Protein backbone atom coordinates (compact mmCIF):
# COMPACT_ATOMS: atom_id res chain seq x y z
CA MET A 1 23.98 -19.71 -2.57
CA ARG A 2 25.89 -16.46 -2.83
CA LEU A 3 25.19 -12.84 -3.61
CA ALA A 4 26.54 -12.29 -7.12
CA ARG A 5 25.56 -8.67 -7.80
CA LEU A 6 23.94 -5.67 -6.10
CA TYR A 7 22.17 -2.78 -7.86
CA ARG A 8 20.25 0.33 -6.95
CA TYR A 9 17.93 2.40 -9.15
CA PRO A 10 17.96 5.96 -7.75
CA VAL A 11 15.42 7.21 -10.32
CA LYS A 12 12.49 4.93 -11.13
CA GLY A 13 12.66 3.88 -14.79
CA LEU A 14 16.26 4.99 -15.35
CA SER A 15 19.44 2.91 -15.42
CA PRO A 16 20.81 0.66 -12.66
CA GLU A 17 23.92 1.44 -10.63
CA PRO A 18 26.11 -1.48 -9.48
CA LEU A 19 27.29 -1.57 -5.89
CA PRO A 20 30.02 -3.59 -4.15
CA SER A 21 28.06 -3.52 -0.89
CA ALA A 22 25.02 -1.95 0.77
CA ASP A 23 23.84 -1.14 4.28
CA LEU A 24 20.27 -2.40 4.61
CA PRO A 25 18.12 -0.61 7.23
CA THR A 26 15.87 -2.69 9.47
CA GLY A 27 12.28 -2.26 8.29
CA GLY A 28 13.33 0.06 5.48
CA TYR A 29 14.12 0.01 1.77
CA PHE A 30 17.19 -0.83 -0.26
CA PRO A 31 19.39 2.28 0.12
CA CYS A 32 18.93 5.08 -2.45
CA ASP A 33 16.59 2.88 -4.48
CA ARG A 34 13.59 4.38 -6.35
CA LEU A 35 14.19 7.55 -4.36
CA PHE A 36 12.95 9.65 -7.29
CA ALA A 37 10.24 9.17 -9.92
CA LEU A 38 9.41 10.97 -13.16
CA GLU A 39 5.79 11.99 -13.32
CA ASN A 40 4.17 11.34 -16.71
CA GLY A 41 1.61 14.11 -16.52
CA PRO A 42 -0.11 14.91 -13.18
CA SER A 43 -0.18 11.77 -11.00
CA GLY A 44 -1.99 13.05 -7.93
CA PHE A 45 0.94 12.06 -5.71
CA ASP A 46 0.85 13.95 -2.42
CA PRO A 47 4.24 14.09 -0.64
CA THR A 48 2.53 15.10 2.61
CA ALA A 49 0.46 11.90 2.56
CA PRO A 50 2.48 9.51 0.37
CA ALA A 51 0.65 6.45 -0.91
CA HIS A 52 1.69 3.76 -3.36
CA GLN A 53 0.75 4.74 -6.91
CA PRO A 54 0.33 2.53 -10.01
CA LYS A 55 3.53 2.60 -12.05
CA ILE A 56 1.56 3.73 -15.12
CA LYS A 57 1.53 7.23 -13.58
CA PHE A 58 5.30 7.53 -13.97
CA LEU A 59 7.79 7.15 -16.80
CA MET A 60 8.64 3.46 -17.10
CA LEU A 61 10.24 1.02 -19.48
CA MET A 62 6.94 -0.76 -20.12
CA ARG A 63 5.70 2.33 -22.03
CA GLN A 64 8.80 4.48 -22.55
CA GLY A 65 11.37 1.92 -23.68
CA ALA A 66 13.61 4.69 -25.02
CA LEU A 67 14.64 5.39 -21.41
CA ALA A 68 16.85 2.29 -21.57
CA GLY A 69 18.96 4.08 -24.18
CA LEU A 70 20.14 6.51 -21.51
CA ALA A 71 22.79 5.85 -18.86
CA THR A 72 22.43 7.75 -15.61
CA ARG A 73 24.65 8.35 -12.59
CA TYR A 74 23.45 9.74 -9.27
CA ASP A 75 25.92 11.22 -6.79
CA GLU A 76 24.29 10.81 -3.40
CA ALA A 77 26.65 13.26 -1.69
CA SER A 78 26.01 16.16 -4.07
CA GLY A 79 22.50 15.24 -5.24
CA VAL A 80 23.61 15.54 -8.88
CA LEU A 81 22.10 13.29 -11.56
CA THR A 82 24.02 12.99 -14.84
CA ILE A 83 22.38 11.61 -18.00
CA GLU A 84 24.57 10.12 -20.71
CA GLN A 85 23.53 9.31 -24.28
CA ASP A 86 25.72 7.63 -26.89
CA GLY A 87 28.77 7.94 -24.65
CA ARG A 88 28.48 11.64 -23.84
CA ASP A 89 26.89 13.65 -21.05
CA VAL A 90 23.71 15.37 -22.25
CA ALA A 91 22.11 16.66 -19.03
CA ARG A 92 23.23 17.28 -15.47
CA GLY A 93 21.28 18.69 -12.55
CA ASP A 94 21.20 18.86 -8.76
CA LEU A 95 17.98 17.07 -7.84
CA ARG A 96 17.85 18.90 -4.52
CA ARG A 97 17.43 22.27 -6.23
CA PRO A 98 14.51 23.46 -8.42
CA GLU A 99 16.82 24.67 -11.19
CA GLY A 100 18.67 21.33 -11.24
CA ARG A 101 15.44 19.36 -11.46
CA ALA A 102 14.25 21.68 -14.25
CA VAL A 103 17.29 20.77 -16.39
CA ILE A 104 16.54 17.03 -16.06
CA GLU A 105 12.81 17.53 -16.62
CA ALA A 106 13.35 19.63 -19.75
CA PHE A 107 15.78 17.14 -21.28
CA LEU A 108 13.49 14.13 -20.71
CA THR A 109 10.40 15.99 -21.92
CA ASP A 110 12.20 16.82 -25.16
CA TYR A 111 13.83 13.37 -25.47
CA LEU A 112 10.56 11.46 -25.16
CA GLY A 113 8.46 13.91 -27.19
CA ALA A 114 5.01 12.57 -28.08
CA ASP A 115 5.61 9.40 -26.04
CA ILE A 116 4.43 11.11 -22.83
CA ARG A 117 1.17 12.60 -21.57
CA GLY A 118 2.60 15.92 -20.43
CA PRO A 119 5.75 17.68 -19.24
CA VAL A 120 7.96 15.48 -17.08
CA LYS A 121 8.11 16.40 -13.40
CA LEU A 122 10.68 14.87 -11.07
CA LEU A 123 9.33 13.80 -7.68
CA GLU A 124 11.38 12.97 -4.57
CA ALA A 125 10.12 10.38 -2.11
CA PRO A 126 9.50 11.72 1.39
CA GLU A 127 11.17 10.04 4.35
CA GLY A 128 10.09 6.41 4.77
CA PHE A 129 8.62 6.08 1.26
CA ARG A 130 9.91 4.85 -2.12
CA PHE A 131 8.49 4.73 -5.66
CA THR A 132 8.56 0.94 -5.95
CA ASP A 133 6.37 -0.97 -8.41
CA SER A 134 4.86 -2.95 -5.53
CA ALA A 135 3.96 -1.85 -2.02
CA SER A 136 5.97 -4.93 -0.96
CA GLY A 137 9.06 -3.84 -2.89
CA PHE A 138 11.45 -3.17 -0.02
CA VAL A 139 14.19 -5.34 -1.61
CA SER A 140 13.94 -7.38 -4.81
CA LEU A 141 15.92 -10.57 -5.43
CA ILE A 142 16.56 -12.37 -8.73
CA ASN A 143 17.65 -16.01 -9.03
CA LEU A 144 20.20 -16.10 -11.86
CA SER A 145 19.45 -19.79 -12.49
CA SER A 146 15.84 -18.87 -13.28
CA VAL A 147 17.07 -16.19 -15.69
CA ALA A 148 19.22 -18.87 -17.36
CA ALA A 149 16.12 -21.07 -17.72
CA ILE A 150 14.23 -18.17 -19.34
CA GLU A 151 17.17 -17.58 -21.67
CA ALA A 152 17.10 -21.23 -22.75
CA ALA A 153 13.36 -21.02 -23.41
CA GLN A 154 13.77 -17.74 -25.31
CA GLY A 155 16.61 -19.13 -27.43
CA ALA A 156 18.54 -15.85 -27.17
CA PRO A 157 20.71 -14.10 -24.56
CA VAL A 158 18.69 -12.52 -21.74
CA ASP A 159 20.44 -9.84 -19.69
CA PRO A 160 19.46 -10.31 -16.02
CA LEU A 161 19.19 -6.53 -15.73
CA ARG A 162 15.93 -6.73 -17.68
CA PHE A 163 14.41 -7.77 -14.33
CA ARG A 164 15.76 -4.69 -12.47
CA GLY A 165 16.47 -6.47 -9.17
CA ASN A 166 18.49 -5.23 -6.22
CA LEU A 167 20.13 -8.55 -5.33
CA TYR A 168 21.13 -11.21 -7.86
CA VAL A 169 21.63 -14.67 -6.39
CA GLU A 170 23.63 -17.55 -7.82
CA GLY A 171 23.86 -21.16 -6.71
CA ALA A 172 20.12 -21.83 -6.33
CA GLU A 173 18.17 -24.25 -8.51
CA PRO A 174 15.99 -22.72 -11.24
CA TRP A 175 12.71 -21.47 -9.76
CA ALA A 176 13.79 -22.36 -6.21
CA GLU A 177 12.55 -18.88 -5.25
CA ALA A 178 8.97 -20.05 -5.77
CA GLU A 179 9.33 -21.82 -2.41
CA TRP A 180 10.79 -18.82 -0.58
CA PRO A 181 7.69 -16.70 0.20
CA GLY A 182 6.88 -17.12 3.88
CA ARG A 183 10.48 -18.06 4.68
CA ARG A 184 13.61 -16.10 5.60
CA LEU A 185 16.97 -15.58 3.94
CA GLN A 186 20.11 -14.82 5.93
CA ILE A 187 23.07 -12.89 4.52
CA GLY A 188 25.68 -12.57 7.26
CA GLY A 189 23.88 -10.75 10.06
CA VAL A 190 21.07 -9.56 7.77
CA THR A 191 17.72 -11.36 7.70
CA LEU A 192 15.19 -10.91 4.90
CA ALA A 193 11.58 -12.09 5.16
CA VAL A 194 10.47 -13.15 1.68
CA LEU A 195 6.99 -11.78 0.94
CA LYS A 196 5.93 -12.83 -2.56
CA MET A 197 6.95 -13.63 -6.12
CA THR A 198 7.41 -10.75 -8.57
CA ASP A 199 5.09 -10.79 -11.57
CA ARG A 200 6.56 -9.38 -14.77
CA CYS A 201 5.38 -6.91 -17.40
CA ALA A 202 6.40 -5.77 -20.89
CA ALA A 203 9.33 -3.77 -19.46
CA THR A 204 11.37 -6.99 -19.54
CA GLY A 205 11.11 -6.94 -23.33
CA VAL A 206 13.26 -3.79 -23.55
CA GLU A 207 16.98 -4.37 -24.12
CA PRO A 208 19.12 -2.61 -21.47
CA GLY A 209 21.45 -0.03 -22.98
CA THR A 210 19.64 0.34 -26.30
CA GLY A 211 15.94 0.71 -25.53
CA ARG A 212 15.06 -1.73 -28.34
CA ARG A 213 11.91 -3.76 -27.69
CA ASP A 214 13.34 -7.03 -28.97
CA MET A 215 11.57 -9.91 -27.16
CA ASP A 216 8.41 -10.82 -25.27
CA LEU A 217 9.60 -12.44 -22.06
CA VAL A 218 6.15 -12.32 -20.46
CA GLN A 219 4.84 -14.54 -23.23
CA THR A 220 7.88 -16.81 -22.94
CA LEU A 221 7.29 -17.18 -19.21
CA ARG A 222 3.59 -17.89 -19.66
CA LYS A 223 4.03 -20.42 -22.48
CA THR A 224 7.04 -22.27 -21.08
CA PHE A 225 6.58 -22.12 -17.32
CA GLY A 226 2.88 -21.42 -16.82
CA HIS A 227 3.38 -18.16 -14.92
CA ILE A 228 4.76 -14.66 -15.44
CA ASP A 229 6.96 -14.47 -12.31
CA CYS A 230 10.69 -13.97 -11.93
CA GLY A 231 12.23 -13.08 -8.57
CA VAL A 232 10.82 -12.23 -5.15
CA TYR A 233 10.22 -9.23 -2.92
CA ALA A 234 11.49 -9.27 0.67
CA ARG A 235 11.26 -7.15 3.82
CA ILE A 236 14.39 -6.29 5.81
CA GLU A 237 13.80 -7.88 9.23
CA THR A 238 17.34 -7.41 10.57
CA GLY A 239 19.50 -4.80 8.93
CA GLY A 240 23.24 -4.62 8.36
CA ARG A 241 25.89 -4.59 5.66
CA ILE A 242 25.84 -7.05 2.77
CA ALA A 243 28.43 -7.37 0.00
CA GLN A 244 29.08 -9.07 -3.29
CA GLY A 245 30.18 -12.66 -2.66
CA ASP A 246 28.32 -13.05 0.66
CA ALA A 247 26.72 -16.42 1.32
CA LEU A 248 22.91 -16.69 1.47
CA THR A 249 21.16 -19.25 3.62
CA LEU A 250 17.47 -20.18 3.46
CA LEU A 251 16.21 -20.45 7.04
């Protein structure tokens, strides 16, 4: 097995950013992943006592598929998020400053219109916390062979980015990841403890790049394979640098 692709999602619900490599922290989260979230009306999130919140409280592809029609870029050094629509920049703001956040919030509130419960508010995760869908979502892995099996069952191309994983693995048998929970994966000097399978929702039915809701992959999974899972969550037991092309070994 090898690591085919790496992605981060700086803002929950917005577009992925490809990476050539990443430095995984022991006991932490995938770097700069789900560091921000977009509140869909008051969520009750308390940054002084952060607790995992249901994803329904934030903007997400399951309900706001139009988000997939936007391309975003986050510059970690400057804190600036840029939103692109139809090939041109439409909003840009420093997420570390109130006025920068206000620009992003105002654009998304206007862009989504009646599709949201109230004005968008951008939240930043406090140290040691991330806005992951699951409390176990330290790192998510997708088996590309399983995606190929879903594509065959669907009878149409399925972009693996519909599953919004951090690490995309090639060279495993389809659904081999169902046997990984409770075991460990090694990537160079990095060790990941696999925690559980990842159950899927209607967000996978939204086409990346367009926002069109064009297929029901949850139903395809249920009918063809008898479950709604694709991918696994893992905890970083031993940190270090990983890179595209690295070999993965199941321990």
